[in-house]
Amino acid sequence: MKKDFETKFTGWTFIVAAALLWGGWFLSPHHVGEYLVASDFTAIGEDLWYWIWMYRIHIFGWVTMAIALFALVSITFKKPYRTLILPGAGMVVAGTFTLAIASAFYYNFGAWGVGLTAGKSVAEIQEFMDKILYTNQYVTCFVRFGRVFSGVGLVLLGLGFVKWKIISGWLSWFTVLLGLAAMGIVMGIPDNFEIYKPIFHIKAVWLMVMGIFILRQGIKLPEPKT
């Protein structure tokens, strides 16, 4: 069982990722939906800089989550663990950065739109909304695929945990189930941000629990059977 600087750094990074993701979301004064609407700019403009900083914190939560997974891979990067851990973590990271890029769209256009729509007529605001609709539609695909990629990665990662008993059995299977739930909701249910929202919160819980478990129990790398 490894419980040293590497595992401490990894554990704390998981916890920080959860804190940033959750903190940025819970403390934000306004949440945008799947598509930006004109009323979003009014709400954001009421406390623009605070909203900007909360969104920045949230986006850095996705980045920190990727760092945590890279750190986890660095600990487990040996035969045979890397066979599932590396592609699993890699897919989660790919999905995480896809979600970060999508979040950057809402962040940028949310803040930018406040200035561009201020004092404009209803017709002018609608013209602006029509111009960003195509990009917004494209970004919703980023969000969906980011969630699916992350789900696939969590399934592989969880199966790696289960096979080699790297972490607790219940947490290993929970990782698998979380990945399956993320994939199933996105691919099996019509697009709806509200339906997926609980998965985001569960993922933040998973990050927190992973961090606490790694700090307390370390990471077990049993000698593989030959």
C-alpha atoms as a PDB file:
ATOM      1  CA  MET A   1       0.000   0.000   0.000  1.00  0.00           C
ATOM      2  CA  LYS A   2       1.364   3.380  -1.025  1.00  0.00           C
ATOM      3  CA  LYS A   3       0.786   6.300   1.343  1.00  0.00           C
ATOM      4  CA  ASP A   4       3.426   8.940   0.734  1.00  0.00           C
ATOM      5  CA  PHE A   5       3.868  12.365  -0.870  1.00  0.00           C
ATOM      6  CA  GLU A   6       2.462  11.043  -4.160  1.00  0.00           C
ATOM      7  CA  THR A   7      -0.723   9.762  -2.601  1.00  0.00           C
ATOM      8  CA  LYS A   8      -1.110  12.848  -0.395  1.00  0.00           C
ATOM      9  CA  PHE A   9      -0.792  15.133  -3.416  1.00  0.00           C
ATOM     10  CA  THR A  10      -3.245  12.989  -5.386  1.00  0.00           C
ATOM     11  CA  GLY A  11      -5.747  12.835  -2.540  1.00  0.00           C
ATOM     12  CA  TRP A  12      -5.702  16.569  -1.891  1.00  0.00           C
ATOM     13  CA  THR A  13      -6.007  17.322  -5.597  1.00  0.00           C
ATOM     14  CA  PHE A  14      -9.194  15.261  -5.792  1.00  0.00           C
ATOM     15  CA  ILE A  15     -10.569  17.189  -2.812  1.00  0.00           C
ATOM     16  CA  VAL A  16      -9.586  20.583  -4.225  1.00  0.00           C
ATOM     17  CA  ALA A  17     -11.212  19.669  -7.553  1.00  0.00           C
ATOM     18  CA  ALA A  18     -14.476  18.861  -5.780  1.00  0.00           C
ATOM     19  CA  ALA A  19     -14.308  22.092  -3.748  1.00  0.00           C
ATOM     20  CA  LEU A  20     -13.694  24.244  -6.835  1.00  0.00           C
ATOM     21  CA  LEU A  21     -16.401  22.590  -8.927  1.00  0.00           C
ATOM     22  CA  TRP A  22     -18.966  22.722  -6.150  1.00  0.00           C
ATOM     23  CA  GLY A  23     -17.903  26.075  -4.743  1.00  0.00           C
ATOM     24  CA  GLY A  24     -18.022  27.812  -8.099  1.00  0.00           C
ATOM     25  CA  TRP A  25     -21.440  26.346  -8.819  1.00  0.00           C
ATOM     26  CA  PHE A  26     -23.096  26.862  -5.431  1.00  0.00           C
ATOM     27  CA  LEU A  27     -21.748  30.383  -4.940  1.00  0.00           C
ATOM     28  CA  SER A  28     -22.620  31.580  -8.437  1.00  0.00           C
ATOM     29  CA  PRO A  29     -25.408  34.176  -8.364  1.00  0.00           C
ATOM     30  CA  HIS A  30     -26.890  32.865 -11.617  1.00  0.00           C
ATOM     31  CA  HIS A  31     -26.858  29.588 -13.560  1.00  0.00           C
ATOM     32  CA  VAL A  32     -27.367  29.526 -17.309  1.00  0.00           C
ATOM     33  CA  GLY A  33     -29.258  26.699 -18.975  1.00  0.00           C
ATOM     34  CA  GLU A  34     -28.533  24.635 -22.050  1.00  0.00           C
ATOM     35  CA  TYR A  35     -29.063  27.719 -24.228  1.00  0.00           C
ATOM     36  CA  LEU A  36     -28.285  31.301 -23.319  1.00  0.00           C
ATOM     37  CA  VAL A  37     -31.380  33.495 -23.255  1.00  0.00           C
ATOM     38  CA  ALA A  38     -31.752  37.264 -23.079  1.00  0.00           C
ATOM     39  CA  SER A  39     -32.795  37.183 -19.425  1.00  0.00           C
ATOM     40  CA  ASP A  40     -29.432  35.580 -18.530  1.00  0.00           C
ATOM     41  CA  PHE A  41     -27.608  38.799 -19.376  1.00  0.00           C
ATOM     42  CA  THR A  42     -29.835  40.850 -17.089  1.00  0.00           C
ATOM     43  CA  ALA A  43     -29.255  38.451 -14.195  1.00  0.00           C
ATOM     44  CA  ILE A  44     -25.494  38.193 -14.806  1.00  0.00           C
ATOM     45  CA  GLY A  45     -25.178  41.954 -15.116  1.00  0.00           C
ATOM     46  CA  GLU A  46     -26.531  42.464 -11.589  1.00  0.00           C
ATOM     47  CA  ASP A  47     -23.208  41.213 -10.175  1.00  0.00           C
ATOM     48  CA  LEU A  48     -21.002  40.714 -13.209  1.00  0.00           C
ATOM     49  CA  TRP A  49     -17.532  40.397 -11.670  1.00  0.00           C
ATOM     50  CA  TYR A  50     -18.666  38.122  -8.895  1.00  0.00           C
ATOM     51  CA  TRP A  51     -20.354  35.874 -11.487  1.00  0.00           C
ATOM     52  CA  ILE A  52     -17.169  35.894 -13.611  1.00  0.00           C
ATOM     53  CA  TRP A  53     -14.986  34.816 -10.700  1.00  0.00           C
ATOM     54  CA  MET A  54     -17.350  32.059  -9.620  1.00  0.00           C
ATOM     55  CA  TYR A  55     -17.369  30.721 -13.166  1.00  0.00           C
ATOM     56  CA  ARG A  56     -13.578  30.858 -13.276  1.00  0.00           C
ATOM     57  CA  ILE A  57     -13.425  28.860 -10.048  1.00  0.00           C
ATOM     58  CA  HIS A  58     -15.839  26.314 -11.505  1.00  0.00           C
ATOM     59  CA  ILE A  59     -13.801  25.929 -14.707  1.00  0.00           C
ATOM     60  CA  PHE A  60     -10.590  25.490 -12.717  1.00  0.00           C
ATOM     61  CA  GLY A  61     -12.403  22.710 -10.877  1.00  0.00           C
ATOM     62  CA  TRP A  62     -12.537  20.768 -14.153  1.00  0.00           C
ATOM     63  CA  VAL A  63      -8.853  21.485 -14.737  1.00  0.00           C
ATOM     64  CA  THR A  64      -7.922  20.352 -11.221  1.00  0.00           C
ATOM     65  CA  MET A  65      -9.949  17.173 -11.711  1.00  0.00           C
ATOM     66  CA  ALA A  66      -7.790  16.374 -14.745  1.00  0.00           C
ATOM     67  CA  ILE A  67      -4.642  17.017 -12.673  1.00  0.00           C
ATOM     68  CA  ALA A  68      -5.916  14.603  -9.997  1.00  0.00           C
ATOM     69  CA  LEU A  69      -6.452  11.885 -12.577  1.00  0.00           C
ATOM     70  CA  PHE A  70      -3.015  12.426 -14.096  1.00  0.00           C
ATOM     71  CA  ALA A  71      -1.549  12.119 -10.606  1.00  0.00           C
ATOM     72  CA  LEU A  72      -3.475   8.894 -10.040  1.00  0.00           C
ATOM     73  CA  VAL A  73      -2.158   7.484 -13.314  1.00  0.00           C
ATOM     74  CA  SER A  74       1.413   8.380 -12.347  1.00  0.00           C
ATOM     75  CA  ILE A  75       1.069   6.199  -9.235  1.00  0.00           C
ATOM     76  CA  THR A  76      -0.521   3.228 -10.991  1.00  0.00           C
ATOM     77  CA  PHE A  77       1.444   3.375 -14.248  1.00  0.00           C
ATOM     78  CA  LYS A  78       2.914  -0.108 -14.179  1.00  0.00           C
ATOM     79  CA  LYS A  79       1.911  -3.493 -15.516  1.00  0.00           C
ATOM     80  CA  PRO A  80      -0.832  -4.679 -15.435  1.00  0.00           C
ATOM     81  CA  TYR A  81      -2.763  -1.834 -13.750  1.00  0.00           C
ATOM     82  CA  ARG A  82      -2.179   0.678 -16.521  1.00  0.00           C
ATOM     83  CA  THR A  83      -4.101  -1.524 -18.990  1.00  0.00           C
ATOM     84  CA  LEU A  84      -7.407  -0.213 -17.596  1.00  0.00           C
ATOM     85  CA  ILE A  85      -6.353   2.713 -15.399  1.00  0.00           C
ATOM     86  CA  LEU A  86      -4.587   4.670 -18.146  1.00  0.00           C
ATOM     87  CA  PRO A  87      -7.329   4.523 -20.825  1.00  0.00           C
ATOM     88  CA  GLY A  88      -9.980   5.015 -18.157  1.00  0.00           C
ATOM     89  CA  ALA A  89      -8.351   8.101 -16.696  1.00  0.00           C
ATOM     90  CA  GLY A  90      -7.513   9.302 -20.210  1.00  0.00           C
ATOM     91  CA  MET A  91     -11.150   9.196 -21.272  1.00  0.00           C
ATOM     92  CA  VAL A  92     -12.255  10.989 -18.110  1.00  0.00           C
ATOM     93  CA  VAL A  93      -9.633  13.681 -18.756  1.00  0.00           C
ATOM     94  CA  ALA A  94     -10.771  14.015 -22.378  1.00  0.00           C
ATOM     95  CA  GLY A  95     -14.344  14.447 -21.212  1.00  0.00           C
ATOM     96  CA  THR A  96     -13.295  16.831 -18.463  1.00  0.00           C
ATOM     97  CA  PHE A  97     -11.444  19.165 -20.812  1.00  0.00           C
ATOM     98  CA  THR A  98     -14.346  18.998 -23.271  1.00  0.00           C
ATOM     99  CA  LEU A  99     -16.657  20.139 -20.484  1.00  0.00           C
ATOM    100  CA  ALA A 100     -14.184  22.858 -19.496  1.00  0.00           C
ATOM    101  CA  ILE A 101     -14.146  24.167 -23.063  1.00  0.00           C
ATOM    102  CA  ALA A 102     -17.947  24.110 -23.176  1.00  0.00           C
ATOM    103  CA  SER A 103     -18.087  25.956 -19.845  1.00  0.00           C
ATOM    104  CA  ALA A 104     -15.762  28.582 -21.306  1.00  0.00           C
ATOM    105  CA  PHE A 105     -18.390  29.319 -23.971  1.00  0.00           C
ATOM    106  CA  TYR A 106     -21.081  30.086 -21.390  1.00  0.00           C
ATOM    107  CA  TYR A 107     -18.553  32.055 -19.359  1.00  0.00           C
ATOM    108  CA  ASN A 108     -17.393  34.137 -22.316  1.00  0.00           C
ATOM    109  CA  PHE A 109     -20.708  34.791 -23.984  1.00  0.00           C
ATOM    110  CA  GLY A 110     -22.451  35.288 -20.656  1.00  0.00           C
ATOM    111  CA  ALA A 111     -20.082  38.085 -19.659  1.00  0.00           C
ATOM    112  CA  TRP A 112     -19.670  39.486 -23.174  1.00  0.00           C
ATOM    113  CA  GLY A 113     -23.403  39.564 -23.783  1.00  0.00           C
ATOM    114  CA  VAL A 114     -24.002  41.817 -20.782  1.00  0.00           C
ATOM    115  CA  GLY A 115     -22.158  44.666 -22.468  1.00  0.00           C
ATOM    116  CA  LEU A 116     -23.461  43.983 -25.958  1.00  0.00           C
ATOM    117  CA  THR A 117     -27.116  43.883 -24.925  1.00  0.00           C
ATOM    118  CA  ALA A 118     -27.081  46.775 -22.447  1.00  0.00           C
ATOM    119  CA  GLY A 119     -29.452  49.512 -23.587  1.00  0.00           C
ATOM    120  CA  LYS A 120     -30.397  47.621 -26.751  1.00  0.00           C
ATOM    121  CA  SER A 121     -33.885  47.264 -28.122  1.00  0.00           C
ATOM    122  CA  VAL A 122     -35.732  43.963 -28.060  1.00  0.00           C
ATOM    123  CA  ALA A 123     -35.080  43.535 -31.784  1.00  0.00           C
ATOM    124  CA  GLU A 124     -31.350  44.215 -31.399  1.00  0.00           C
ATOM    125  CA  ILE A 125     -31.065  41.762 -28.506  1.00  0.00           C
ATOM    126  CA  GLN A 126     -32.888  39.109 -30.545  1.00  0.00           C
ATOM    127  CA  GLU A 127     -30.489  39.699 -33.423  1.00  0.00           C
ATOM    128  CA  PHE A 128     -27.569  39.052 -31.071  1.00  0.00           C
ATOM    129  CA  MET A 129     -29.223  35.894 -29.741  1.00  0.00           C
ATOM    130  CA  ASP A 130     -29.770  34.636 -33.278  1.00  0.00           C
ATOM    131  CA  LYS A 131     -26.088  35.168 -34.083  1.00  0.00           C
ATOM    132  CA  ILE A 132     -24.863  33.052 -31.170  1.00  0.00           C
ATOM    133  CA  LEU A 133     -27.516  30.328 -31.547  1.00  0.00           C
ATOM    134  CA  TYR A 134     -25.471  28.243 -34.003  1.00  0.00           C
ATOM    135  CA  THR A 135     -22.416  28.311 -31.715  1.00  0.00           C
ATOM    136  CA  ASN A 136     -24.580  27.559 -28.692  1.00  0.00           C
ATOM    137  CA  GLN A 137     -26.050  24.537 -30.483  1.00  0.00           C
ATOM    138  CA  TYR A 138     -22.548  23.281 -31.282  1.00  0.00           C
ATOM    139  CA  VAL A 139     -21.492  23.725 -27.661  1.00  0.00           C
ATOM    140  CA  THR A 140     -24.390  21.569 -26.428  1.00  0.00           C
ATOM    141  CA  CYS A 141     -22.770  18.729 -28.411  1.00  0.00           C
ATOM    142  CA  PHE A 142     -19.517  19.427 -26.552  1.00  0.00           C
ATOM    143  CA  VAL A 143     -21.393  19.127 -23.273  1.00  0.00           C
ATOM    144  CA  ARG A 144     -23.096  15.863 -24.228  1.00  0.00           C
ATOM    145  CA  PHE A 145     -19.963  14.205 -25.559  1.00  0.00           C
ATOM    146  CA  GLY A 146     -17.894  15.452 -22.634  1.00  0.00           C
ATOM    147  CA  ARG A 147     -20.314  13.731 -20.287  1.00  0.00           C
ATOM    148  CA  VAL A 148     -20.342  10.532 -22.332  1.00  0.00           C
ATOM    149  CA  PHE A 149     -16.528  10.464 -22.614  1.00  0.00           C
ATOM    150  CA  SER A 150     -16.262  10.933 -18.855  1.00  0.00           C
ATOM    151  CA  GLY A 151     -18.783   8.153 -18.306  1.00  0.00           C
ATOM    152  CA  VAL A 152     -16.848   5.710 -20.477  1.00  0.00           C
ATOM    153  CA  GLY A 153     -13.657   6.601 -18.633  1.00  0.00           C
ATOM    154  CA  LEU A 154     -15.236   6.133 -15.209  1.00  0.00           C
ATOM    155  CA  VAL A 155     -16.446   2.659 -16.205  1.00  0.00           C
ATOM    156  CA  LEU A 156     -12.948   1.613 -17.302  1.00  0.00           C
ATOM    157  CA  LEU A 157     -11.359   3.242 -14.270  1.00  0.00           C
ATOM    158  CA  GLY A 158     -13.813   1.561 -11.922  1.00  0.00           C
ATOM    159  CA  LEU A 159     -13.277  -1.834 -13.525  1.00  0.00           C
ATOM    160  CA  GLY A 160      -9.546  -1.376 -13.018  1.00  0.00           C
ATOM    161  CA  PHE A 161     -10.165  -0.599  -9.358  1.00  0.00           C
ATOM    162  CA  VAL A 162     -12.374  -3.673  -9.030  1.00  0.00           C
ATOM    163  CA  LYS A 163     -10.031  -6.073 -10.810  1.00  0.00           C
ATOM    164  CA  TRP A 164      -6.916  -5.204  -8.813  1.00  0.00           C
ATOM    165  CA  LYS A 165      -8.604  -3.994  -5.598  1.00  0.00           C
ATOM    166  CA  ILE A 166      -6.695  -0.712  -5.780  1.00  0.00           C
ATOM    167  CA  ILE A 167      -9.286   1.045  -3.617  1.00  0.00           C
ATOM    168  CA  SER A 168     -12.269  -0.015  -1.520  1.00  0.00           C
ATOM    169  CA  GLY A 169     -14.653  -2.437  -3.238  1.00  0.00           C
ATOM    170  CA  TRP A 170     -17.782  -0.317  -2.742  1.00  0.00           C
ATOM    171  CA  LEU A 171     -16.045   2.798  -4.085  1.00  0.00           C
ATOM    172  CA  SER A 172     -14.744   0.821  -7.055  1.00  0.00           C
ATOM    173  CA  TRP A 173     -18.228  -0.371  -8.007  1.00  0.00           C
ATOM    174  CA  PHE A 174     -19.672   3.077  -7.330  1.00  0.00           C
ATOM    175  CA  THR A 175     -17.207   4.456  -9.903  1.00  0.00           C
ATOM    176  CA  VAL A 176     -18.455   1.934 -12.473  1.00  0.00           C
ATOM    177  CA  LEU A 177     -22.112   2.726 -11.733  1.00  0.00           C
ATOM    178  CA  LEU A 178     -21.492   6.476 -11.889  1.00  0.00           C
ATOM    179  CA  GLY A 179     -19.968   6.068 -15.340  1.00  0.00           C
ATOM    180  CA  LEU A 180     -22.863   3.925 -16.561  1.00  0.00           C
ATOM    181  CA  ALA A 181     -25.380   6.427 -15.183  1.00  0.00           C
ATOM    182  CA  ALA A 182     -23.655   9.338 -16.927  1.00  0.00           C
ATOM    183  CA  MET A 183     -23.628   7.500 -20.248  1.00  0.00           C
ATOM    184  CA  GLY A 184     -27.185   6.216 -19.915  1.00  0.00           C
ATOM    185  CA  ILE A 185     -28.747   9.561 -19.040  1.00  0.00           C
ATOM    186  CA  VAL A 186     -27.049  11.429 -21.897  1.00  0.00           C
ATOM    187  CA  MET A 187     -27.583   8.768 -24.565  1.00  0.00           C
ATOM    188  CA  GLY A 188     -30.949   7.434 -23.438  1.00  0.00           C
ATOM    189  CA  ILE A 189     -32.851  10.587 -22.500  1.00  0.00           C
ATOM    190  CA  PRO A 190     -33.583  13.640 -24.714  1.00  0.00           C
ATOM    191  CA  ASP A 191     -31.248  16.574 -24.071  1.00  0.00           C
ATOM    192  CA  ASN A 192     -32.088  18.222 -20.789  1.00  0.00           C
ATOM    193  CA  PHE A 193     -29.562  19.865 -18.491  1.00  0.00           C
ATOM    194  CA  GLU A 194     -31.852  19.528 -15.473  1.00  0.00           C
ATOM    195  CA  ILE A 195     -32.077  15.737 -15.739  1.00  0.00           C
ATOM    196  CA  TYR A 196     -28.292  15.394 -15.765  1.00  0.00           C
ATOM    197  CA  LYS A 197     -27.705  17.903 -12.952  1.00  0.00           C
ATOM    198  CA  PRO A 198     -27.726  15.304 -10.119  1.00  0.00           C
ATOM    199  CA  ILE A 199     -24.889  13.423 -11.863  1.00  0.00           C
ATOM    200  CA  PHE A 200     -22.729  16.540 -11.682  1.00  0.00           C
ATOM    201  CA  HIS A 201     -23.257  16.732  -7.929  1.00  0.00           C
ATOM    202  CA  ILE A 202     -22.661  12.993  -7.494  1.00  0.00           C
ATOM    203  CA  LYS A 203     -19.428  13.338  -9.473  1.00  0.00           C
ATOM    204  CA  ALA A 204     -18.313  16.086  -7.096  1.00  0.00           C
ATOM    205  CA  VAL A 205     -19.127  13.781  -4.168  1.00  0.00           C
ATOM    206  CA  TRP A 206     -17.110  11.021  -5.879  1.00  0.00           C
ATOM    207  CA  LEU A 207     -14.121  13.348  -6.194  1.00  0.00           C
ATOM    208  CA  MET A 208     -14.343  14.295  -2.520  1.00  0.00           C
ATOM    209  CA  VAL A 209     -14.700  10.675  -1.362  1.00  0.00           C
ATOM    210  CA  MET A 210     -11.844   9.548  -3.606  1.00  0.00           C
ATOM    211  CA  GLY A 211      -9.604  12.225  -2.137  1.00  0.00           C
ATOM    212  CA  ILE A 212     -10.498  11.383   1.454  1.00  0.00           C
ATOM    213  CA  PHE A 213     -10.063   7.657   0.848  1.00  0.00           C
ATOM    214  CA  ILE A 214      -6.658   8.106  -0.783  1.00  0.00           C
ATOM    215  CA  LEU A 215      -5.459  10.328   2.064  1.00  0.00           C
ATOM    216  CA  ARG A 216      -6.639   7.899   4.732  1.00  0.00           C
ATOM    217  CA  GLN A 217      -6.020   4.527   3.125  1.00  0.00           C
ATOM    218  CA  GLY A 218      -3.447   5.202   0.423  1.00  0.00           C
ATOM    219  CA  ILE A 219      -3.491   3.280  -2.855  1.00  0.00           C
ATOM    220  CA  LYS A 220      -3.091  -0.480  -2.832  1.00  0.00           C
ATOM    221  CA  LEU A 221      -0.993  -1.939  -5.626  1.00  0.00           C
ATOM    222  CA  PRO A 222      -1.003  -5.666  -4.920  1.00  0.00           C
ATOM    223  CA  GLU A 223       1.547  -7.772  -6.699  1.00  0.00           C
ATOM    224  CA  PRO A 224      -0.155  -9.192  -9.809  1.00  0.00           C
ATOM    225  CA  LYS A 225      -0.512 -12.943 -10.071  1.00  0.00           C
ATOM    226  CA  THR A 226       1.744 -14.514 -12.647  1.00  0.00           C
END
